[in-house]
Amino acid sequence: MTTNLIPKRILAVGAHPDDIETSCAGTLAKYIHQGAEVSIAVVNNGDAGHMTIPPKELADIRHAEAEKAAKILGADFYWLGLIDGMLFEDIDTRLRFVELIRKAKPDLIITHNPDDYHPDHKAVSRLVFDASFLSGLPNVKTDSLFHPGVQPLYYFDTAGGANFNPTEFVDITDTYEIKLKMLSCHMSQLKWAKDHDNVDLLHMMETFARARGYQCGVTFAEAFRSETMLPRPRPYRQLP
């Protein structure tokens, strides 16, 4: 693949702090190693994700955790700060997503699979799909100017791979340690997952990255599915 085909600006949109880390951080690190600019956007403030910390305090903690993780990657960081579990597609929310895409100016977007377990994940997926089309229309007005074109869209893996059939894999063996460091920033969620679900998030992430690696013949991998709806597909590989 010639260098002019490699996306130069990547936007990854996750519903909650830590969604990007568990799903596609290794791939984002590979993009950066190739010279691309990466932006991470976190939509919800994470205020529901703890057994004892109250919402406002928790949202502040999770904001700081997510920002710290983005700095490890060297990514631009966008925080929308919407309330956990209350994400719906209305005019104002749709326009916020349009504005996000216009600010980030991506050549490629990565986000949640439409059929995921969490209602916020599903809502983000739909909002990104719709807003990425509308962001190129000059007559749809936001603070920023329109971002021409309709960008390729990739969906990252669901939790545990449920109902997800990958179309592409990325070897993250060389960037797995960055992914691990980023998720380790989310101390509040490491505790929440253990208390609420009896899940060790770091161990789960390693196990799943190894499993995806086995599928494609490497040590660690992340899996993706490309959006094939016109006009998003390209006749060449877009993932690193």
Protein backbone atom coordinates (compact mmCIF):
# COMPACT_ATOMS: atom_id res chain seq x y z
CA MET A 1 0.00 0.00 0.00
CA THR A 2 1.42 3.38 -0.97
CA THR A 3 1.77 6.00 1.71
CA ASN A 4 -0.81 8.32 0.15
CA LEU A 5 -3.50 5.74 0.90
CA ILE A 6 -2.77 5.58 4.62
CA PRO A 7 -5.27 7.69 6.63
CA LYS A 8 -3.54 10.68 8.14
CA ARG A 9 -6.18 11.68 10.71
CA ILE A 10 -8.03 9.09 12.80
CA LEU A 11 -10.97 9.70 15.13
CA ALA A 12 -11.92 7.02 17.66
CA VAL A 13 -15.22 7.59 19.47
CA GLY A 14 -16.05 5.64 22.63
CA ALA A 15 -19.14 5.89 24.78
CA HIS A 16 -17.35 5.71 28.13
CA PRO A 17 -13.88 6.30 29.55
CA ASP A 18 -11.96 3.00 28.99
CA ASP A 19 -13.97 1.83 25.93
CA ILE A 20 -11.25 2.95 23.52
CA GLU A 21 -8.51 1.39 25.63
CA THR A 22 -10.11 -2.04 25.75
CA SER A 23 -11.14 -2.07 22.09
CA CYS A 24 -8.72 -0.28 19.76
CA ALA A 25 -5.86 1.43 21.62
CA GLY A 26 -3.24 -0.90 20.13
CA THR A 27 -4.42 -0.04 16.64
CA LEU A 28 -4.41 3.68 17.40
CA ALA A 29 -0.82 3.38 18.63
CA LYS A 30 0.14 1.73 15.34
CA TYR A 31 -1.43 4.61 13.42
CA ILE A 32 0.64 7.07 15.44
CA HIS A 33 3.79 5.06 14.76
CA GLN A 34 2.98 5.41 11.05
CA GLY A 35 2.82 9.18 11.42
CA ALA A 36 -0.95 9.64 11.63
CA GLU A 37 -2.69 12.09 13.95
CA VAL A 38 -5.15 10.41 16.33
CA SER A 39 -8.08 11.94 18.21
CA ILE A 40 -9.96 10.18 21.00
CA ALA A 41 -13.49 11.31 21.89
CA VAL A 42 -15.29 10.13 25.04
CA VAL A 43 -19.04 10.76 24.91
CA ASN A 44 -20.40 9.84 28.36
CA ASN A 45 -18.89 11.06 31.61
CA GLY A 46 -18.85 7.65 33.31
CA ASP A 47 -20.81 8.87 36.34
CA ALA A 48 -22.75 5.60 36.78
CA GLY A 49 -19.75 3.29 36.91
CA HIS A 50 -19.02 2.79 40.60
CA MET A 51 -20.53 1.18 43.68
CA THR A 52 -19.77 3.98 46.18
CA ILE A 53 -18.33 7.13 44.55
CA PRO A 54 -21.11 9.70 43.88
CA PRO A 55 -21.79 10.74 40.25
CA LYS A 56 -20.19 14.21 40.14
CA GLU A 57 -17.03 13.12 41.89
CA LEU A 58 -16.84 9.98 39.75
CA ALA A 59 -17.26 11.94 36.51
CA ASP A 60 -14.32 14.15 37.49
CA ILE A 61 -12.18 11.12 38.32
CA ARG A 62 -13.00 9.39 35.06
CA HIS A 63 -12.35 12.53 33.05
CA ALA A 64 -8.87 12.72 34.53
CA GLU A 65 -8.26 9.00 33.94
CA ALA A 66 -9.30 9.23 30.29
CA GLU A 67 -7.21 12.33 29.67
CA LYS A 68 -4.17 10.66 31.23
CA ALA A 69 -4.63 7.62 28.98
CA ALA A 70 -4.90 9.79 25.87
CA LYS A 71 -1.64 11.53 26.80
CA ILE A 72 0.14 8.17 26.99
CA LEU A 73 -0.97 7.53 23.42
CA GLY A 74 -0.15 11.06 22.30
CA ALA A 75 -3.69 11.64 21.01
CA ASP A 76 -5.87 14.73 20.90
CA PHE A 77 -8.67 14.39 23.44
CA TYR A 78 -12.34 15.38 23.28
CA TRP A 79 -14.68 15.05 26.25
CA LEU A 80 -18.42 15.47 25.57
CA GLY A 81 -19.43 14.86 29.21
CA LEU A 82 -22.92 13.44 28.65
CA ILE A 83 -24.68 11.53 31.43
CA ASP A 84 -24.27 7.75 31.58
CA GLY A 85 -27.20 5.71 30.32
CA MET A 86 -29.15 8.73 29.07
CA LEU A 87 -27.79 9.08 25.55
CA PHE A 88 -30.49 9.55 22.93
CA GLU A 89 -30.47 10.81 19.37
CA ASP A 90 -32.12 14.22 19.28
CA ILE A 91 -31.26 17.32 17.25
CA ASP A 92 -28.90 18.85 19.82
CA THR A 93 -26.99 15.60 20.39
CA ARG A 94 -26.72 14.88 16.68
CA LEU A 95 -25.30 18.35 16.07
CA ARG A 96 -22.76 17.86 18.88
CA PHE A 97 -21.49 14.78 17.07
CA VAL A 98 -21.41 16.66 13.76
CA GLU A 99 -19.36 19.40 15.43
CA LEU A 100 -16.99 16.80 16.95
CA ILE A 101 -16.25 15.32 13.53
CA ARG A 102 -15.76 18.75 11.99
CA LYS A 103 -13.28 19.67 14.72
CA ALA A 104 -11.32 16.43 14.45
CA LYS A 105 -11.38 16.37 10.60
CA PRO A 106 -10.79 12.61 10.34
CA ASP A 107 -9.91 10.61 7.26
CA LEU A 108 -11.23 7.51 9.05
CA ILE A 109 -13.50 6.95 12.07
CA ILE A 110 -13.58 4.03 14.52
CA THR A 111 -16.43 3.47 16.97
CA HIS A 112 -18.74 0.93 18.62
CA ASN A 113 -20.45 -1.88 16.78
CA PRO A 114 -24.18 -1.11 16.27
CA ASP A 115 -25.10 -4.39 17.98
CA ASP A 116 -23.33 -4.09 21.32
CA TYR A 117 -24.42 -4.88 24.86
CA HIS A 118 -24.69 -1.36 26.31
CA PRO A 119 -27.39 1.14 25.28
CA ASP A 120 -24.83 3.96 25.25
CA HIS A 121 -22.61 1.94 22.89
CA LYS A 122 -25.51 1.41 20.50
CA ALA A 123 -26.48 5.07 20.64
CA VAL A 124 -22.91 6.25 19.97
CA SER A 125 -22.61 3.91 17.00
CA ARG A 126 -25.75 5.29 15.41
CA LEU A 127 -24.89 8.89 16.20
CA VAL A 128 -21.42 8.53 14.65
CA PHE A 129 -22.85 6.90 11.54
CA ASP A 130 -25.39 9.68 11.03
CA ALA A 131 -23.15 12.59 12.00
CA SER A 132 -20.27 11.44 9.80
CA PHE A 133 -22.59 11.76 6.80
CA LEU A 134 -24.04 15.09 7.87
CA SER A 135 -20.68 16.63 8.74
CA GLY A 136 -19.91 17.00 5.04
CA LEU A 137 -23.06 18.98 4.24
CA PRO A 138 -22.51 22.78 4.23
CA ASN A 139 -26.19 23.47 4.89
CA VAL A 140 -26.04 21.61 8.21
CA LYS A 141 -24.72 24.38 10.44
CA THR A 142 -22.50 24.07 13.51
CA ASP A 143 -19.71 26.27 14.90
CA SER A 144 -17.12 24.64 12.64
CA LEU A 145 -17.09 24.52 8.85
CA PHE A 146 -18.21 21.35 7.08
CA HIS A 147 -15.71 18.50 6.70
CA PRO A 148 -15.90 17.32 3.07
CA GLY A 149 -16.70 13.76 2.11
CA VAL A 150 -18.00 10.69 3.94
CA GLN A 151 -15.20 8.94 5.82
CA PRO A 152 -14.61 5.19 6.02
CA LEU A 153 -16.10 3.82 9.23
CA TYR A 154 -14.88 0.84 11.23
CA TYR A 155 -16.54 -0.80 14.22
CA PHE A 156 -14.37 -2.22 16.98
CA ASP A 157 -15.01 -5.44 18.86
CA THR A 158 -17.83 -5.96 21.32
CA ALA A 159 -17.24 -7.00 24.93
CA GLY A 160 -16.03 -10.59 24.76
CA GLY A 161 -16.68 -10.65 21.00
CA ALA A 162 -20.39 -11.34 21.41
CA ASN A 163 -22.32 -11.13 18.10
CA PHE A 164 -19.24 -9.75 16.33
CA ASN A 165 -17.86 -11.18 13.09
CA PRO A 166 -14.60 -9.41 12.22
CA THR A 167 -13.73 -8.51 8.66
CA GLU A 168 -10.19 -7.34 9.49
CA PHE A 169 -7.55 -7.83 12.18
CA VAL A 170 -4.68 -5.62 13.34
CA ASP A 171 -1.51 -7.13 14.82
CA ILE A 172 -0.93 -5.15 18.02
CA THR A 173 1.88 -7.31 19.40
CA ASP A 174 4.30 -4.38 19.26
CA THR A 175 1.83 -1.89 20.78
CA TYR A 176 0.09 -4.05 23.37
CA GLU A 177 2.11 -2.55 26.24
CA ILE A 178 0.80 0.92 25.33
CA LYS A 179 -2.74 -0.47 25.36
CA LEU A 180 -2.08 -2.00 28.79
CA LYS A 181 -0.67 1.24 30.21
CA MET A 182 -3.68 3.16 28.93
CA LEU A 183 -6.24 0.83 30.50
CA SER A 184 -4.24 0.83 33.73
CA CYS A 185 -4.99 4.56 34.04
CA HIS A 186 -8.64 3.72 34.68
CA MET A 187 -8.26 2.66 38.29
CA SER A 188 -11.87 3.50 39.17
CA GLN A 189 -13.09 1.05 36.51
CA LEU A 190 -10.67 -1.71 37.43
CA LYS A 191 -12.29 -1.66 40.87
CA TRP A 192 -15.85 -1.24 39.53
CA ALA A 193 -15.53 -4.22 37.19
CA LYS A 194 -14.24 -6.40 40.01
CA ASP A 195 -16.96 -5.31 42.47
CA HIS A 196 -19.88 -5.20 40.03
CA ASP A 197 -19.08 -8.02 37.58
CA ASN A 198 -16.31 -10.02 39.27
CA VAL A 199 -14.13 -9.25 36.23
CA ASP A 200 -10.42 -8.47 36.18
CA LEU A 201 -10.36 -5.99 33.29
CA LEU A 202 -6.62 -6.20 32.66
CA HIS A 203 -6.68 -9.99 32.55
CA MET A 204 -9.80 -10.00 30.38
CA MET A 205 -8.22 -7.60 27.90
CA GLU A 206 -5.07 -9.72 27.63
CA THR A 207 -7.05 -12.94 27.22
CA PHE A 208 -9.22 -11.48 24.50
CA ALA A 209 -6.32 -9.85 22.64
CA ARG A 210 -4.56 -13.23 22.67
CA ALA A 211 -7.70 -14.95 21.40
CA ARG A 212 -8.02 -12.53 18.49
CA GLY A 213 -4.30 -13.02 17.92
CA TYR A 214 -4.77 -16.78 17.63
CA GLN A 215 -7.37 -16.19 14.95
CA CYS A 216 -4.93 -14.34 12.71
CA GLY A 217 -1.62 -15.94 13.67
CA VAL A 218 -0.02 -13.32 15.92
CA THR A 219 0.45 -12.88 19.68
CA PHE A 220 -2.00 -10.00 20.22
CA ALA A 221 -4.62 -8.59 17.86
CA GLU A 222 -7.64 -6.32 17.71
CA ALA A 223 -10.61 -7.11 15.48
CA PHE A 224 -12.76 -4.78 13.40
CA ARG A 225 -15.69 -4.78 11.03
CA SER A 226 -15.89 -2.30 8.18
CA GLU A 227 -19.07 -0.39 7.38
CA THR A 228 -19.98 -1.36 3.81
CA MET A 229 -22.79 1.12 3.23
CA LEU A 230 -22.21 3.43 0.25
CA PRO A 231 -20.07 5.60 -0.01
CA ARG A 232 -17.77 4.47 2.82
CA PRO A 233 -15.84 1.47 1.46
CA ARG A 234 -12.43 1.88 -0.16
CA PRO A 235 -10.68 -0.58 -2.55
CA TYR A 236 -7.60 -0.78 -0.33
CA ARG A 237 -6.76 -1.49 3.30
CA GLN A 238 -7.32 1.39 5.71
CA LEU A 239 -6.25 -0.24 8.98
CA PRO A 240 -2.54 -0.30 9.89
